[in-house]
Protein backbone atom coordinates (compact mmCIF):
# COMPACT_ATOMS: atom_id res chain seq x y z
CA UNK A 1 37.77 213.33 53.64
CA UNK A 2 37.25 209.83 54.96
CA UNK A 3 39.52 209.06 57.95
CA UNK A 4 42.24 206.46 57.56
CA UNK A 5 41.22 203.02 58.93
CA UNK A 6 44.37 202.90 61.04
CA UNK A 7 43.23 206.10 62.76
CA UNK A 8 39.80 204.57 63.38
CA UNK A 9 41.43 201.63 65.16
CA UNK A 10 43.15 203.98 67.60
CA UNK A 11 40.05 205.99 68.47
CA UNK A 12 38.50 205.40 71.91
CA UNK A 13 34.99 206.65 72.64
CA UNK A 14 33.44 206.62 76.11
CA UNK A 15 29.67 206.71 76.41
CA UNK A 16 30.04 208.19 79.88
CA UNK A 17 32.90 209.90 81.68
CA UNK A 18 31.93 208.56 85.12
CA UNK A 19 30.41 205.56 86.88
CA UNK A 20 26.61 205.58 86.98
CA UNK A 21 23.96 203.67 88.98
CA UNK A 22 22.62 200.59 87.19
CA UNK A 23 19.10 201.97 86.71
CA UNK A 24 16.53 200.79 84.17
CA UNK A 25 17.23 203.84 82.01
CA UNK A 26 20.97 203.11 81.99
CA UNK A 27 20.35 199.44 81.16
CA UNK A 28 18.04 200.40 78.30
CA UNK A 29 20.68 202.81 77.00
CA UNK A 30 23.41 200.14 77.19
CA UNK A 31 21.26 197.61 75.31
CA UNK A 32 20.87 200.15 72.53
CA UNK A 33 24.64 200.66 72.42
CA UNK A 34 25.16 196.91 72.03
CA UNK A 35 22.78 196.69 69.09
CA UNK A 36 24.47 199.69 67.45
CA UNK A 37 27.99 198.25 67.82
CA UNK A 38 29.71 197.32 64.56
CA UNK A 39 32.84 195.33 65.37
CA UNK A 40 34.11 195.27 61.79
CA UNK A 41 37.12 197.58 61.82
CA UNK A 42 39.85 194.95 61.85
CA UNK A 43 42.37 194.30 64.64
CA UNK A 44 41.96 195.24 68.29
CA UNK A 45 44.23 197.79 69.98
CA UNK A 46 43.30 196.94 73.53
CA UNK A 47 46.08 198.70 75.42
CA UNK A 48 45.01 202.21 74.49
CA UNK A 49 41.34 201.46 75.22
CA UNK A 50 42.18 200.06 78.67
CA UNK A 51 44.51 202.90 79.55
CA UNK A 52 41.88 205.43 78.51
CA UNK A 53 39.23 203.65 80.60
CA UNK A 54 41.46 203.49 83.68
CA UNK A 55 42.71 207.07 83.39
CA UNK A 56 39.72 209.01 82.00
CA UNK A 57 36.67 207.49 83.75
CA UNK A 58 36.05 209.16 87.10
CA UNK A 59 35.56 206.75 90.01
CA UNK A 60 34.41 207.47 93.59
CA UNK A 61 37.18 208.34 96.01
CA UNK A 62 37.63 206.70 99.38
CA UNK A 63 35.36 203.74 98.74
CA UNK A 64 35.55 200.53 100.74
CA UNK A 65 36.04 198.37 97.65
CA UNK A 66 37.86 198.68 94.35
CA UNK A 67 36.11 199.59 91.09
CA UNK A 68 36.04 196.85 88.47
CA UNK A 69 36.53 196.78 84.70
CA UNK A 70 34.85 194.03 82.67
CA UNK A 71 36.85 193.31 79.52
CA UNK A 72 35.31 191.10 76.81
CA UNK A 73 37.77 190.59 73.97
CA UNK A 74 39.17 188.35 71.29
CA UNK A 75 42.13 190.68 70.91
CA UNK A 76 45.60 190.80 72.37
CA UNK A 77 47.54 193.09 74.65
CA UNK A 78 51.31 193.19 74.85
CA UNK A 79 52.29 195.86 77.36
CA UNK A 80 50.60 194.38 80.42
CA UNK A 81 52.77 196.30 82.91
CA UNK A 82 51.56 199.72 81.71
CA UNK A 83 47.95 198.70 82.19
CA UNK A 84 48.69 197.22 85.64
CA UNK A 85 50.40 200.43 86.72
CA UNK A 86 47.47 202.51 85.49
CA UNK A 87 45.07 200.23 87.38
CA UNK A 88 46.98 200.64 90.63
CA UNK A 89 47.26 204.42 90.23
CA UNK A 90 43.59 205.04 89.44
CA UNK A 91 40.49 204.99 91.59
CA UNK A 92 40.90 204.60 95.33
CA UNK A 93 43.58 202.94 97.42
CA UNK A 94 42.53 199.52 96.10
CA UNK A 95 43.18 200.37 92.44
CA UNK A 96 40.92 198.93 89.74
CA UNK A 97 40.47 195.22 89.20
CA UNK A 98 40.17 193.93 85.63
CA UNK A 99 37.92 190.92 84.97
CA UNK A 100 38.49 189.36 81.56
CA UNK A 101 36.36 187.15 79.34
CA UNK A 102 38.51 185.96 76.42
CA UNK A 103 36.39 184.95 73.45
CA UNK A 104 37.29 182.92 70.38
CA UNK A 105 39.61 180.14 69.34
CA UNK A 106 42.88 181.99 69.90
CA UNK A 107 42.77 184.70 72.58
CA UNK A 108 46.10 185.67 74.17
CA UNK A 109 45.53 183.37 77.15
CA UNK A 110 48.75 183.93 79.10
CA UNK A 111 48.63 187.71 78.77
CA UNK A 112 44.93 187.97 79.59
CA UNK A 113 45.41 185.82 82.70
CA UNK A 114 48.43 187.87 83.72
CA UNK A 115 46.47 191.10 83.32
CA UNK A 116 43.60 189.81 85.46
CA UNK A 117 45.79 188.29 88.18
CA UNK A 118 48.10 191.29 88.55
CA UNK A 119 45.15 193.65 89.03
CA UNK A 120 43.35 191.33 91.46
CA UNK A 121 40.65 190.29 88.97
CA UNK A 122 39.80 187.01 87.28
CA UNK A 123 39.95 185.55 83.78
CA UNK A 124 37.76 183.06 81.93
CA UNK A 125 38.22 181.82 78.36
CA UNK A 126 35.24 180.96 76.16
CA UNK A 127 35.56 178.83 73.03
CA UNK A 128 33.37 179.52 69.95
CA UNK A 129 31.06 176.62 70.92
CA UNK A 130 30.52 177.73 74.52
CA UNK A 131 27.82 179.96 75.97
CA UNK A 132 29.33 183.42 76.31
CA UNK A 133 26.29 184.75 78.21
CA UNK A 134 26.85 182.21 80.99
CA UNK A 135 30.55 183.13 81.18
CA UNK A 136 29.79 186.86 81.41
CA UNK A 137 27.14 186.20 84.08
CA UNK A 138 29.66 184.23 86.15
CA UNK A 139 32.20 187.02 85.81
CA UNK A 140 29.74 189.70 86.91
CA UNK A 141 28.91 187.62 89.99
CA UNK A 142 32.61 187.50 90.83
CA UNK A 143 32.84 191.27 90.42
CA UNK A 144 29.90 191.81 92.78
CA UNK A 145 30.91 189.16 95.29
CA UNK A 146 33.59 189.09 97.97
CA UNK A 147 36.95 187.76 96.89
CA UNK A 148 39.50 185.97 99.01
CA UNK A 149 42.85 187.73 99.15
CA UNK A 150 46.33 186.45 99.96
CA UNK A 151 45.53 182.73 99.49
CA UNK A 152 48.20 180.36 100.75
CA UNK A 153 48.57 176.66 101.41
CA UNK A 154 49.85 175.01 104.57
CA UNK A 155 51.23 171.73 103.27
CA UNK A 156 52.37 170.44 106.66
CA UNK A 157 55.96 170.43 105.39
CA UNK A 158 58.16 172.82 103.48
CA UNK A 159 57.85 172.08 99.75
CA UNK A 160 60.90 171.89 97.53
CA UNK A 161 58.88 173.85 94.99
CA UNK A 162 55.33 175.18 94.69
CA UNK A 163 53.55 176.76 91.74
CA UNK A 164 52.37 180.33 92.20
CA UNK A 165 48.94 181.09 93.64
CA UNK A 166 46.83 183.98 92.29
CA UNK A 167 46.59 187.05 94.52
CA UNK A 168 42.79 186.70 94.73
CA UNK A 169 40.29 183.85 94.58
CA UNK A 170 36.62 184.12 93.70
CA UNK A 171 33.63 181.86 94.21
CA UNK A 172 33.31 179.18 91.56
CA UNK A 173 36.94 179.27 90.43
CA UNK A 174 39.07 176.17 89.97
CA UNK A 175 42.75 176.67 90.72
CA UNK A 176 45.43 174.02 90.25
CA UNK A 177 48.47 174.22 92.53
CA UNK A 178 51.45 171.89 92.24
CA UNK A 179 54.17 171.21 94.81
CA UNK A 180 56.99 168.73 95.26
CA UNK A 181 58.42 167.32 98.52
CA UNK A 182 61.35 165.22 99.64
CA UNK A 183 58.85 163.02 101.49
CA UNK A 184 55.09 162.90 101.96
CA UNK A 185 53.71 165.63 104.31
CA UNK A 186 52.40 164.34 107.66
CA UNK A 187 48.82 165.63 107.17
CA UNK A 188 46.47 166.93 104.50
CA UNK A 189 47.11 170.47 103.23
CA UNK A 190 45.05 173.45 104.40
CA UNK A 191 44.03 176.40 102.26
CA UNK A 192 44.12 179.73 104.13
CA UNK A 193 42.93 183.15 102.95
CA UNK A 194 41.75 186.58 104.08
CA UNK A 195 38.29 188.06 103.53
CA UNK A 196 37.35 191.56 104.71
CA UNK A 197 40.11 191.50 107.29
CA UNK A 198 39.19 188.06 108.66
CA UNK A 199 41.31 184.93 108.35
CA UNK A 200 39.69 181.71 107.16
CA UNK A 201 40.83 178.23 106.18
CA UNK A 202 39.59 174.84 105.04
CA UNK A 203 41.16 171.40 104.95
CA UNK A 204 40.07 168.26 103.03
CA UNK A 205 39.23 165.17 105.01
CA UNK A 206 41.55 163.06 102.86
CA UNK A 207 43.73 163.20 99.77
CA UNK A 208 43.80 160.78 96.88
CA UNK A 209 47.05 159.36 95.60
CA UNK A 210 47.53 158.76 91.90
CA UNK A 211 50.41 157.51 89.81
CA UNK A 212 49.01 159.09 86.65
CA UNK A 213 51.93 160.29 84.56
CA UNK A 214 49.81 163.06 83.02
CA UNK A 215 49.40 164.76 86.42
CA UNK A 216 53.16 164.64 86.97
CA UNK A 217 53.78 166.20 83.57
CA UNK A 218 51.22 168.92 84.24
CA UNK A 219 53.17 169.81 87.35
CA UNK A 220 56.38 169.80 85.34
CA UNK A 221 54.80 172.15 82.79
CA UNK A 222 53.78 174.56 85.56
CA UNK A 223 57.28 174.45 86.98
CA UNK A 224 58.80 175.01 83.53
CA UNK A 225 56.61 178.09 83.01
CA UNK A 226 57.99 179.61 86.22
CA UNK A 227 61.63 178.63 85.64
CA UNK A 228 64.14 181.37 86.44
CA UNK A 229 66.51 180.61 83.55
CA UNK A 230 66.31 179.21 80.04
CA UNK A 231 68.63 176.37 81.03
CA UNK A 232 66.36 175.34 83.91
CA UNK A 233 63.29 175.46 81.66
CA UNK A 234 65.02 173.31 79.04
CA UNK A 235 66.08 170.74 81.63
CA UNK A 236 62.50 170.52 82.93
CA UNK A 237 61.14 170.15 79.39
CA UNK A 238 63.48 167.23 78.76
CA UNK A 239 62.89 165.63 82.18
CA UNK A 240 59.11 165.65 81.80
CA UNK A 241 59.12 165.15 78.00
CA UNK A 242 57.27 168.41 77.27
CA UNK A 243 56.89 170.05 73.87
CA UNK A 244 57.83 173.70 74.29
CA UNK A 245 60.00 176.45 72.85
CA UNK A 246 62.86 174.86 74.78
CA UNK A 247 62.48 171.42 73.21
CA UNK A 248 61.67 169.76 69.89
CA UNK A 249 59.43 166.87 68.96
CA UNK A 250 60.20 164.82 65.87
CA UNK A 251 57.43 162.82 64.17
CA UNK A 252 58.44 159.96 61.92
CA UNK A 253 55.72 158.66 59.59
CA UNK A 254 56.14 155.20 58.14
CA UNK A 255 54.00 153.64 55.40
């Protein structure tokens, strides 16, 4: 008989059980697979597909770099920790990095970013009106390039608070970092990182001061997202006048 649609959703099929060289024959085969794909079976069960990819695809042992997984999805994943653990346990000593392109008007942004960051990959979101080919090309370049690990910022003074930095940085990325101080640091901040065992850094010639309230509130939102307790998050939402699950906005319409 015809299989139940719910069973179809949970079925994972691998076209190959191992990594293969990117030859012309392989590229031609992959193009055919794309044209034959029919993404019309309803919701996405991404966790099982990712776990199967990380656990069942053989990767070279003892390599000098970590294998990468390119995930293109408009779906959601809830159990990020299981996938992160599978990534770290598979492949070589570096684990497997997951690079994510989230497509559509409502991808699970926070979870996709968490999945990419915790595995040492990167995440980019593409709206329905954007060029997905360009986004995928950028992501492949990041996968093939050399990433910067252990990024850190020397502010020149100890900050009262600093938003979290990703574990890896890649060429072309824009990362916003917020920090607060009791008084202005004595010099411009320096970004430091490691690449292939070498330490590197860069420092801007000057910084620009702004009294834009929107920037302050963006920093407050970042701090609220990393708050340790619900009470702290609520206090930050009220202090910076942020709409969140910890606060309420009332709209009054008058004729």
